[in-house]
Amino acid sequence: MAQKSTIYKVELSVSDKDRHYYETHKITVAKHPSETDERLMVRLLAFALHAHEQLEMTKGLSTDDEPDIWQKSLSGELELWIALGLPSEKILRQSSGKSKDVIIYSYGSTAQMWWEKVNDNTMRFDNLAVFNLSETDTSALSALANRSMKVQVNIQDGDVMLSVDDNIVYVTPVRWK
């Protein structure tokens, strides 16, 4: 029998001084059976970094033709495609053709090798941005995962402070492209 997703209830308060965005989002996140706490928390971080009233979590791991997070215009056009991990060159090419803007958040021990492999082939995509999250940061984020969370995210000058209860993690995404 197939395992079911685990449901996480998240109250995400975002104070983004860089974009002058201050809102609280109540999000229900379905954690795929093969998804780690680290990946779940990276998804929440990516959502916070681009928070918008039309930003949505997608089916993510369970579909190949959708990003982890997207934002569509009121007329249904794909404005923002956010993917996590180390997508193939094919996925980078396809997503760049489908969406106005594409953002990749890479993480993990092989992220640097992945970037060295795909970097040259991404230069033609003007709408693509790639950020890397250190293993230290994502490991610390994974320790915060809880099925019912109140998450406070403060963003200023590209630095991120994420807190759950009395635990605080500082994250600095590094822009590779």
N, C-alpha and C. Protein backbone atom coordinates (compact mmCIF):
# COMPACT_ATOMS: atom_id res chain seq x y z
N MET A 1 0.84 -1.17 0.00
CA MET A 1 0.00 0.00 0.00
C MET A 1 0.89 1.25 0.00
N ALA A 2 0.50 2.23 -0.80
CA ALA A 2 1.28 3.46 -0.91
C ALA A 2 1.15 4.30 0.36
N GLN A 3 2.25 4.90 0.74
CA GLN A 3 2.23 5.78 1.90
C GLN A 3 1.56 7.09 1.53
N LYS A 4 0.91 7.69 2.49
CA LYS A 4 0.24 8.97 2.27
C LYS A 4 1.17 10.11 2.68
N SER A 5 0.89 11.27 2.13
CA SER A 5 1.63 12.47 2.52
C SER A 5 1.31 12.82 3.97
N THR A 6 2.25 13.48 4.62
CA THR A 6 2.05 13.98 5.98
C THR A 6 1.70 15.45 5.87
N ILE A 7 0.66 15.84 6.57
CA ILE A 7 0.18 17.22 6.49
C ILE A 7 0.84 18.07 7.58
N TYR A 8 1.35 19.22 7.16
CA TYR A 8 1.96 20.20 8.06
C TYR A 8 1.12 21.47 7.99
N LYS A 9 0.76 22.00 9.14
CA LYS A 9 0.04 23.28 9.23
C LYS A 9 1.05 24.34 9.63
N VAL A 10 1.17 25.36 8.79
CA VAL A 10 2.19 26.38 9.02
C VAL A 10 1.56 27.77 9.01
N GLU A 11 1.88 28.54 10.03
CA GLU A 11 1.56 29.96 10.03
C GLU A 11 2.88 30.67 9.78
N LEU A 12 3.01 31.22 8.59
CA LEU A 12 4.27 31.81 8.13
C LEU A 12 4.15 33.33 8.13
N SER A 13 4.85 33.98 9.05
CA SER A 13 4.85 35.45 9.12
C SER A 13 6.13 35.95 8.46
N VAL A 14 5.96 36.77 7.43
CA VAL A 14 7.09 37.26 6.66
C VAL A 14 7.24 38.76 6.86
N SER A 15 8.44 39.17 7.27
CA SER A 15 8.80 40.59 7.36
C SER A 15 10.00 40.78 6.43
N ASP A 16 9.72 41.19 5.21
CA ASP A 16 10.76 41.34 4.20
C ASP A 16 11.04 42.82 4.00
N LYS A 17 12.09 43.29 4.65
CA LYS A 17 12.44 44.71 4.56
C LYS A 17 13.00 45.07 3.19
N ASP A 18 13.55 44.08 2.47
CA ASP A 18 14.10 44.35 1.14
C ASP A 18 12.99 44.66 0.13
N ARG A 19 11.84 44.00 0.26
CA ARG A 19 10.73 44.20 -0.67
C ARG A 19 9.57 44.98 -0.05
N HIS A 20 9.69 45.34 1.22
CA HIS A 20 8.61 46.02 1.96
C HIS A 20 7.34 45.18 1.92
N TYR A 21 7.50 43.91 2.27
CA TYR A 21 6.39 42.96 2.28
C TYR A 21 6.23 42.43 3.69
N TYR A 22 5.04 42.59 4.26
CA TYR A 22 4.79 42.19 5.64
C TYR A 22 3.42 41.51 5.70
N GLU A 23 3.42 40.20 5.71
CA GLU A 23 2.16 39.45 5.72
C GLU A 23 2.32 38.15 6.48
N THR A 24 1.18 37.59 6.88
CA THR A 24 1.15 36.26 7.49
C THR A 24 0.35 35.35 6.57
N HIS A 25 0.92 34.19 6.26
CA HIS A 25 0.28 33.21 5.39
C HIS A 25 -0.02 31.96 6.20
N LYS A 26 -1.22 31.47 6.11
CA LYS A 26 -1.57 30.17 6.71
C LYS A 26 -1.50 29.15 5.58
N ILE A 27 -0.57 28.22 5.71
CA ILE A 27 -0.27 27.28 4.63
C ILE A 27 -0.45 25.86 5.15
N THR A 28 -1.10 25.04 4.34
CA THR A 28 -1.15 23.61 4.60
C THR A 28 -0.20 22.96 3.60
N VAL A 29 0.81 22.28 4.11
CA VAL A 29 1.84 21.69 3.25
C VAL A 29 1.74 20.17 3.35
N ALA A 30 1.64 19.54 2.18
CA ALA A 30 1.64 18.08 2.14
C ALA A 30 3.09 17.63 1.90
N LYS A 31 3.64 16.94 2.88
CA LYS A 31 5.02 16.44 2.76
C LYS A 31 4.97 15.05 2.14
N HIS A 32 5.50 14.94 0.93
CA HIS A 32 5.54 13.68 0.20
C HIS A 32 6.29 12.63 1.03
N PRO A 33 5.89 11.35 0.96
CA PRO A 33 6.59 10.33 1.76
C PRO A 33 8.10 10.27 1.54
N SER A 34 8.56 10.64 0.34
CA SER A 34 10.00 10.59 0.09
C SER A 34 10.70 11.92 0.40
N GLU A 35 9.95 12.92 0.82
CA GLU A 35 10.53 14.24 1.10
C GLU A 35 11.12 14.26 2.51
N THR A 36 12.27 14.89 2.63
CA THR A 36 12.93 15.02 3.93
C THR A 36 12.46 16.30 4.63
N ASP A 37 12.71 16.38 5.94
CA ASP A 37 12.42 17.60 6.68
C ASP A 37 13.24 18.77 6.11
N GLU A 38 14.47 18.46 5.69
CA GLU A 38 15.33 19.50 5.12
C GLU A 38 14.67 20.12 3.89
N ARG A 39 14.18 19.29 2.99
CA ARG A 39 13.55 19.79 1.77
C ARG A 39 12.27 20.56 2.08
N LEU A 40 11.49 20.07 3.01
CA LEU A 40 10.27 20.76 3.42
C LEU A 40 10.58 22.17 3.92
N MET A 41 11.60 22.29 4.75
CA MET A 41 11.96 23.60 5.30
C MET A 41 12.56 24.51 4.23
N VAL A 42 13.27 23.94 3.26
CA VAL A 42 13.78 24.74 2.15
C VAL A 42 12.61 25.27 1.32
N ARG A 43 11.57 24.45 1.16
CA ARG A 43 10.36 24.91 0.46
C ARG A 43 9.73 26.10 1.18
N LEU A 44 9.62 26.00 2.50
CA LEU A 44 9.05 27.11 3.27
C LEU A 44 9.92 28.36 3.18
N LEU A 45 11.23 28.17 3.23
CA LEU A 45 12.15 29.31 3.09
C LEU A 45 11.98 29.97 1.72
N ALA A 46 11.94 29.17 0.66
CA ALA A 46 11.76 29.72 -0.69
C ALA A 46 10.43 30.46 -0.80
N PHE A 47 9.39 29.90 -0.20
CA PHE A 47 8.09 30.58 -0.21
C PHE A 47 8.21 31.94 0.48
N ALA A 48 8.84 31.97 1.63
CA ALA A 48 8.99 33.22 2.38
C ALA A 48 9.79 34.26 1.59
N LEU A 49 10.83 33.82 0.91
CA LEU A 49 11.69 34.74 0.16
C LEU A 49 10.96 35.40 -1.00
N HIS A 50 9.89 34.77 -1.48
CA HIS A 50 9.15 35.30 -2.64
C HIS A 50 7.67 35.48 -2.32
N ALA A 51 7.35 35.56 -1.03
CA ALA A 51 5.95 35.62 -0.60
C ALA A 51 5.17 36.68 -1.38
N HIS A 52 3.97 36.27 -1.77
CA HIS A 52 3.06 37.11 -2.56
C HIS A 52 1.68 36.50 -2.40
N GLU A 53 0.66 37.29 -2.54
CA GLU A 53 -0.70 36.76 -2.34
C GLU A 53 -1.06 35.68 -3.37
N GLN A 54 -0.40 35.65 -4.52
CA GLN A 54 -0.72 34.64 -5.54
C GLN A 54 0.31 33.51 -5.62
N LEU A 55 1.27 33.50 -4.71
CA LEU A 55 2.27 32.44 -4.68
C LEU A 55 1.65 31.18 -4.08
N GLU A 56 1.90 30.01 -4.68
CA GLU A 56 1.30 28.77 -4.20
C GLU A 56 2.29 27.63 -4.21
N MET A 57 2.13 26.73 -3.24
CA MET A 57 2.83 25.46 -3.26
C MET A 57 2.14 24.59 -4.31
N THR A 58 2.89 23.77 -5.02
CA THR A 58 2.30 22.88 -6.02
C THR A 58 2.39 21.44 -5.52
N LYS A 59 2.11 20.51 -6.40
CA LYS A 59 2.21 19.09 -6.04
C LYS A 59 3.66 18.67 -5.87
N GLY A 60 4.58 19.47 -6.42
CA GLY A 60 6.01 19.27 -6.18
C GLY A 60 6.55 17.92 -6.62
N LEU A 61 7.03 17.13 -5.68
CA LEU A 61 7.68 15.86 -5.97
C LEU A 61 6.81 14.86 -6.72
N SER A 62 5.50 14.99 -6.60
CA SER A 62 4.63 13.99 -7.22
C SER A 62 4.37 14.27 -8.70
N THR A 63 4.85 15.39 -9.24
CA THR A 63 4.69 15.67 -10.66
C THR A 63 6.01 16.19 -11.25
N ASP A 64 6.27 15.81 -12.49
CA ASP A 64 7.51 16.23 -13.14
C ASP A 64 7.39 17.57 -13.86
N ASP A 65 6.16 17.95 -14.22
CA ASP A 65 5.99 19.15 -15.05
C ASP A 65 5.57 20.39 -14.25
N GLU A 66 5.70 20.32 -12.93
CA GLU A 66 5.40 21.48 -12.09
C GLU A 66 6.60 21.78 -11.20
N PRO A 67 6.77 23.05 -10.87
CA PRO A 67 7.82 23.40 -9.91
C PRO A 67 7.35 23.07 -8.50
N ASP A 68 8.15 23.40 -7.52
CA ASP A 68 7.75 23.23 -6.13
C ASP A 68 6.80 24.34 -5.69
N ILE A 69 7.03 25.53 -6.26
CA ILE A 69 6.23 26.71 -5.93
C ILE A 69 6.05 27.49 -7.22
N TRP A 70 4.87 28.06 -7.40
CA TRP A 70 4.68 28.93 -8.56
C TRP A 70 3.77 30.09 -8.24
N GLN A 71 3.86 31.08 -9.13
CA GLN A 71 2.98 32.23 -9.03
C GLN A 71 2.42 32.47 -10.42
N LYS A 72 1.10 32.53 -10.48
CA LYS A 72 0.43 32.78 -11.75
C LYS A 72 -0.25 34.14 -11.69
N SER A 73 -0.35 34.76 -12.86
CA SER A 73 -1.06 36.04 -12.94
C SER A 73 -2.56 35.77 -12.81
N LEU A 74 -3.33 36.82 -12.68
CA LEU A 74 -4.79 36.66 -12.58
C LEU A 74 -5.38 36.04 -13.85
N SER A 75 -4.68 36.19 -14.97
CA SER A 75 -5.15 35.60 -16.23
C SER A 75 -4.59 34.19 -16.46
N GLY A 76 -3.84 33.67 -15.48
CA GLY A 76 -3.37 32.30 -15.56
C GLY A 76 -1.98 32.09 -16.14
N GLU A 77 -1.28 33.17 -16.53
CA GLU A 77 0.06 33.03 -17.06
C GLU A 77 1.06 32.76 -15.92
N LEU A 78 2.02 31.91 -16.21
CA LEU A 78 3.03 31.55 -15.21
C LEU A 78 4.06 32.67 -15.11
N GLU A 79 4.10 33.32 -13.95
CA GLU A 79 5.01 34.44 -13.73
C GLU A 79 6.30 34.02 -13.04
N LEU A 80 6.19 33.07 -12.10
CA LEU A 80 7.35 32.67 -11.31
C LEU A 80 7.34 31.17 -11.09
N TRP A 81 8.47 30.54 -11.39
CA TRP A 81 8.67 29.10 -11.24
C TRP A 81 9.81 28.93 -10.27
N ILE A 82 9.56 28.31 -9.12
CA ILE A 82 10.61 28.09 -8.13
C ILE A 82 10.79 26.59 -7.95
N ALA A 83 12.02 26.13 -8.20
CA ALA A 83 12.35 24.71 -8.05
C ALA A 83 13.46 24.56 -7.03
N LEU A 84 13.46 23.41 -6.35
CA LEU A 84 14.45 23.12 -5.33
C LEU A 84 15.32 21.97 -5.77
N GLY A 85 16.55 21.97 -5.28
CA GLY A 85 17.43 20.84 -5.54
C GLY A 85 18.34 21.08 -6.73
N LEU A 86 18.52 20.02 -7.51
CA LEU A 86 19.49 20.03 -8.60
C LEU A 86 18.81 19.57 -9.89
N PRO A 87 17.99 20.44 -10.50
CA PRO A 87 17.25 20.03 -11.69
C PRO A 87 18.17 19.80 -12.89
N SER A 88 17.71 18.95 -13.79
CA SER A 88 18.47 18.65 -15.00
C SER A 88 18.46 19.86 -15.94
N GLU A 89 19.38 19.83 -16.91
CA GLU A 89 19.42 20.90 -17.91
C GLU A 89 18.10 20.96 -18.68
N LYS A 90 17.50 19.81 -18.93
CA LYS A 90 16.23 19.75 -19.64
C LYS A 90 15.15 20.50 -18.86
N ILE A 91 15.08 20.28 -17.54
CA ILE A 91 14.09 20.98 -16.70
C ILE A 91 14.38 22.48 -16.69
N LEU A 92 15.64 22.86 -16.61
CA LEU A 92 16.00 24.28 -16.63
C LEU A 92 15.54 24.93 -17.94
N ARG A 93 15.76 24.25 -19.05
CA ARG A 93 15.37 24.77 -20.37
C ARG A 93 13.85 24.88 -20.47
N GLN A 94 13.15 23.82 -20.07
CA GLN A 94 11.69 23.81 -20.18
C GLN A 94 11.05 24.86 -19.28
N SER A 95 11.52 24.97 -18.04
CA SER A 95 10.93 25.94 -17.12
C SER A 95 11.21 27.36 -17.58
N SER A 96 12.39 27.60 -18.15
CA SER A 96 12.72 28.94 -18.65
C SER A 96 11.82 29.33 -19.81
N GLY A 97 11.36 28.35 -20.57
CA GLY A 97 10.44 28.62 -21.67
C GLY A 97 9.00 28.79 -21.22
N LYS A 98 8.64 28.24 -20.07
CA LYS A 98 7.25 28.27 -19.60
C LYS A 98 6.93 29.48 -18.74
N SER A 99 7.92 30.03 -18.05
CA SER A 99 7.66 31.05 -17.04
C SER A 99 8.44 32.33 -17.31
N LYS A 100 7.86 33.45 -16.88
CA LYS A 100 8.54 34.73 -17.01
C LYS A 100 9.86 34.74 -16.23
N ASP A 101 9.84 34.21 -15.00
CA ASP A 101 11.04 34.13 -14.17
C ASP A 101 11.16 32.74 -13.56
N VAL A 102 12.39 32.24 -13.48
CA VAL A 102 12.67 30.93 -12.90
C VAL A 102 13.75 31.10 -11.84
N ILE A 103 13.49 30.52 -10.66
CA ILE A 103 14.47 30.59 -9.57
C ILE A 103 14.72 29.18 -9.06
N ILE A 104 15.99 28.83 -8.97
CA ILE A 104 16.39 27.53 -8.45
C ILE A 104 17.10 27.74 -7.11
N TYR A 105 16.70 26.96 -6.10
CA TYR A 105 17.41 26.93 -4.83
C TYR A 105 18.09 25.58 -4.73
N SER A 106 19.39 25.57 -4.98
CA SER A 106 20.15 24.32 -4.90
C SER A 106 20.66 24.16 -3.46
N TYR A 107 20.82 22.90 -3.08
CA TYR A 107 21.35 22.60 -1.75
C TYR A 107 21.84 21.17 -1.75
N GLY A 108 22.62 20.83 -0.77
CA GLY A 108 23.12 19.47 -0.63
C GLY A 108 24.59 19.35 -0.96
N SER A 109 25.15 18.20 -0.66
CA SER A 109 26.60 17.99 -0.79
C SER A 109 27.09 17.99 -2.23
N THR A 110 26.21 17.74 -3.20
CA THR A 110 26.64 17.69 -4.59
C THR A 110 26.24 18.94 -5.38
N ALA A 111 25.75 19.97 -4.70
CA ALA A 111 25.29 21.18 -5.39
C ALA A 111 26.40 21.85 -6.20
N GLN A 112 27.60 21.93 -5.65
CA GLN A 112 28.70 22.57 -6.36
C GLN A 112 29.05 21.81 -7.65
N MET A 113 29.08 20.49 -7.57
CA MET A 113 29.36 19.68 -8.77
C MET A 113 28.26 19.86 -9.82
N TRP A 114 27.01 19.87 -9.37
CA TRP A 114 25.87 20.09 -10.28
C TRP A 114 26.03 21.44 -10.99
N TRP A 115 26.35 22.48 -10.23
CA TRP A 115 26.46 23.82 -10.82
C TRP A 115 27.60 23.88 -11.83
N GLU A 116 28.73 23.26 -11.53
CA GLU A 116 29.85 23.25 -12.48
C GLU A 116 29.44 22.55 -13.78
N LYS A 117 28.59 21.56 -13.69
CA LYS A 117 28.14 20.81 -14.86
C LYS A 117 27.14 21.61 -15.72
N VAL A 118 26.19 22.32 -15.09
CA VAL A 118 25.12 22.99 -15.84
C VAL A 118 25.38 24.48 -16.08
N ASN A 119 26.32 25.07 -15.39
CA ASN A 119 26.54 26.51 -15.44
C ASN A 119 26.66 27.06 -16.86
N ASP A 120 27.54 26.52 -17.66
CA ASP A 120 27.76 27.05 -19.01
C ASP A 120 26.49 27.03 -19.86
N ASN A 121 25.68 26.01 -19.67
CA ASN A 121 24.46 25.88 -20.47
C ASN A 121 23.31 26.74 -19.97
N THR A 122 23.47 27.40 -18.84
CA THR A 122 22.39 28.25 -18.32
C THR A 122 22.57 29.72 -18.71
N MET A 123 23.69 30.08 -19.27
CA MET A 123 23.97 31.48 -19.57
C MET A 123 22.98 32.08 -20.57
N ARG A 124 22.38 31.26 -21.39
CA ARG A 124 21.45 31.77 -22.40
C ARG A 124 20.07 32.10 -21.83
N PHE A 125 19.81 31.69 -20.59
CA PHE A 125 18.51 31.92 -19.98
C PHE A 125 18.57 33.19 -19.13
N ASP A 126 18.08 34.29 -19.69
CA ASP A 126 18.10 35.57 -18.99
C ASP A 126 17.11 35.62 -17.83
N ASN A 127 16.12 34.74 -17.86
CA ASN A 127 15.07 34.75 -16.83
C ASN A 127 15.35 33.75 -15.70
N LEU A 128 16.56 33.20 -15.65
CA LEU A 128 16.92 32.19 -14.66
C LEU A 128 17.85 32.77 -13.60
N ALA A 129 17.51 32.52 -12.34
CA ALA A 129 18.37 32.86 -11.21
C ALA A 129 18.63 31.59 -10.41
N VAL A 130 19.87 31.40 -9.97
CA VAL A 130 20.23 30.22 -9.19
C VAL A 130 20.86 30.67 -7.89
N PHE A 131 20.34 30.14 -6.78
CA PHE A 131 20.86 30.42 -5.45
C PHE A 131 21.28 29.10 -4.81
N ASN A 132 22.29 29.15 -3.97
CA ASN A 132 22.71 27.95 -3.24
C ASN A 132 22.55 28.20 -1.75
N LEU A 133 22.10 27.14 -1.07
CA LEU A 133 21.97 27.17 0.38
C LEU A 133 22.99 26.19 0.95
N SER A 134 23.76 26.63 1.93
CA SER A 134 24.82 25.78 2.48
C SER A 134 24.21 24.59 3.23
N GLU A 135 25.00 23.52 3.30
CA GLU A 135 24.56 22.34 4.04
C GLU A 135 24.35 22.66 5.52
N THR A 136 25.18 23.53 6.06
CA THR A 136 25.04 23.93 7.46
C THR A 136 23.68 24.59 7.68
N ASP A 137 23.31 25.51 6.78
CA ASP A 137 22.03 26.22 6.90
C ASP A 137 20.84 25.28 6.76
N THR A 138 20.87 24.43 5.74
CA THR A 138 19.70 23.55 5.52
C THR A 138 19.58 22.48 6.60
N SER A 139 20.70 22.05 7.13
CA SER A 139 20.66 21.08 8.23
C SER A 139 20.03 21.72 9.47
N ALA A 140 20.39 22.96 9.74
CA ALA A 140 19.82 23.68 10.88
C ALA A 140 18.32 23.91 10.66
N LEU A 141 17.93 24.20 9.43
CA LEU A 141 16.50 24.38 9.12
C LEU A 141 15.71 23.10 9.37
N SER A 142 16.28 21.96 8.97
CA SER A 142 15.55 20.70 9.11
C SER A 142 15.22 20.38 10.57
N ALA A 143 16.06 20.84 11.48
CA ALA A 143 15.83 20.60 12.90
C ALA A 143 14.61 21.36 13.43
N LEU A 144 14.14 22.36 12.67
CA LEU A 144 13.00 23.16 13.10
C LEU A 144 11.66 22.56 12.68
N ALA A 145 11.67 21.58 11.80
CA ALA A 145 10.43 21.03 11.24
C ALA A 145 9.53 20.44 12.32
N ASN A 146 8.27 20.80 12.22
CA ASN A 146 7.26 20.36 13.16
C ASN A 146 5.92 20.35 12.44
N ARG A 147 5.05 19.43 12.73
CA ARG A 147 3.78 19.32 11.99
C ARG A 147 2.85 20.50 12.20
N SER A 148 3.04 21.26 13.23
CA SER A 148 2.27 22.47 13.47
C SER A 148 3.26 23.55 13.86
N MET A 149 3.50 24.49 12.95
CA MET A 149 4.56 25.47 13.17
C MET A 149 4.06 26.90 13.02
N LYS A 150 4.58 27.77 13.86
CA LYS A 150 4.47 29.21 13.68
C LYS A 150 5.88 29.65 13.33
N VAL A 151 6.06 30.05 12.08
CA VAL A 151 7.38 30.40 11.57
C VAL A 151 7.44 31.90 11.33
N GLN A 152 8.45 32.53 11.88
CA GLN A 152 8.68 33.96 11.66
C GLN A 152 9.92 34.09 10.80
N VAL A 153 9.80 34.81 9.68
CA VAL A 153 10.93 35.01 8.78
C VAL A 153 11.17 36.50 8.63
N ASN A 154 12.40 36.92 8.94
CA ASN A 154 12.82 38.31 8.76
C ASN A 154 13.89 38.34 7.69
N ILE A 155 13.70 39.21 6.70
CA ILE A 155 14.63 39.30 5.57
C ILE A 155 15.11 40.75 5.48
N GLN A 156 16.44 40.91 5.46
CA GLN A 156 17.01 42.24 5.29
C GLN A 156 18.38 42.11 4.65
N ASP A 157 18.60 42.88 3.60
CA ASP A 157 19.86 42.89 2.86
C ASP A 157 20.27 41.49 2.38
N GLY A 158 19.27 40.67 2.01
CA GLY A 158 19.54 39.33 1.51
C GLY A 158 19.80 38.29 2.57
N ASP A 159 19.90 38.71 3.83
CA ASP A 159 20.09 37.77 4.94
C ASP A 159 18.73 37.40 5.51
N VAL A 160 18.62 36.17 5.96
CA VAL A 160 17.34 35.65 6.45
C VAL A 160 17.51 35.13 7.87
N MET A 161 16.56 35.52 8.72
CA MET A 161 16.48 34.95 10.06
C MET A 161 15.14 34.23 10.13
N LEU A 162 15.19 32.94 10.40
CA LEU A 162 13.98 32.13 10.48
C LEU A 162 13.87 31.58 11.88
N SER A 163 12.71 31.76 12.51
CA SER A 163 12.55 31.26 13.87
C SER A 163 11.27 30.45 14.01
N VAL A 164 11.37 29.38 14.78
CA VAL A 164 10.25 28.55 15.17
C VAL A 164 10.38 28.38 16.68
N ASP A 165 9.35 28.78 17.41
CA ASP A 165 9.40 28.78 18.87
C ASP A 165 10.61 29.61 19.32
N ASP A 166 11.49 29.04 20.13
CA ASP A 166 12.66 29.78 20.60
C ASP A 166 13.91 29.47 19.80
N ASN A 167 13.76 28.74 18.70
CA ASN A 167 14.92 28.34 17.89
C ASN A 167 15.06 29.27 16.69
N ILE A 168 16.26 29.75 16.47
CA ILE A 168 16.54 30.70 15.39
C ILE A 168 17.63 30.15 14.50
N VAL A 169 17.42 30.28 13.19
CA VAL A 169 18.41 29.87 12.20
C VAL A 169 18.65 31.07 11.27
N TYR A 170 19.91 31.35 11.02
CA TYR A 170 20.28 32.42 10.08
C TYR A 170 20.72 31.76 8.77
N VAL A 171 20.19 32.27 7.67
CA VAL A 171 20.48 31.70 6.34
C VAL A 171 20.88 32.82 5.42
N THR A 172 21.92 32.57 4.63
CA THR A 172 22.32 33.53 3.61
C THR A 172 22.40 32.80 2.27
N PRO A 173 21.35 32.92 1.44
CA PRO A 173 21.42 32.31 0.11
C PRO A 173 22.52 32.99 -0.71
N VAL A 174 23.32 32.17 -1.40
CA VAL A 174 24.42 32.69 -2.22
C VAL A 174 23.96 32.63 -3.67
N ARG A 175 24.00 33.79 -4.34
CA ARG A 175 23.56 33.85 -5.74
C ARG A 175 24.68 33.33 -6.65
N TRP A 176 24.37 32.28 -7.40
CA TRP A 176 25.32 31.73 -8.39
C TRP A 176 25.05 32.28 -9.78
N LYS A 177 23.83 32.65 -10.06
CA LYS A 177 23.48 33.24 -11.36
C LYS A 177 22.35 34.22 -11.16
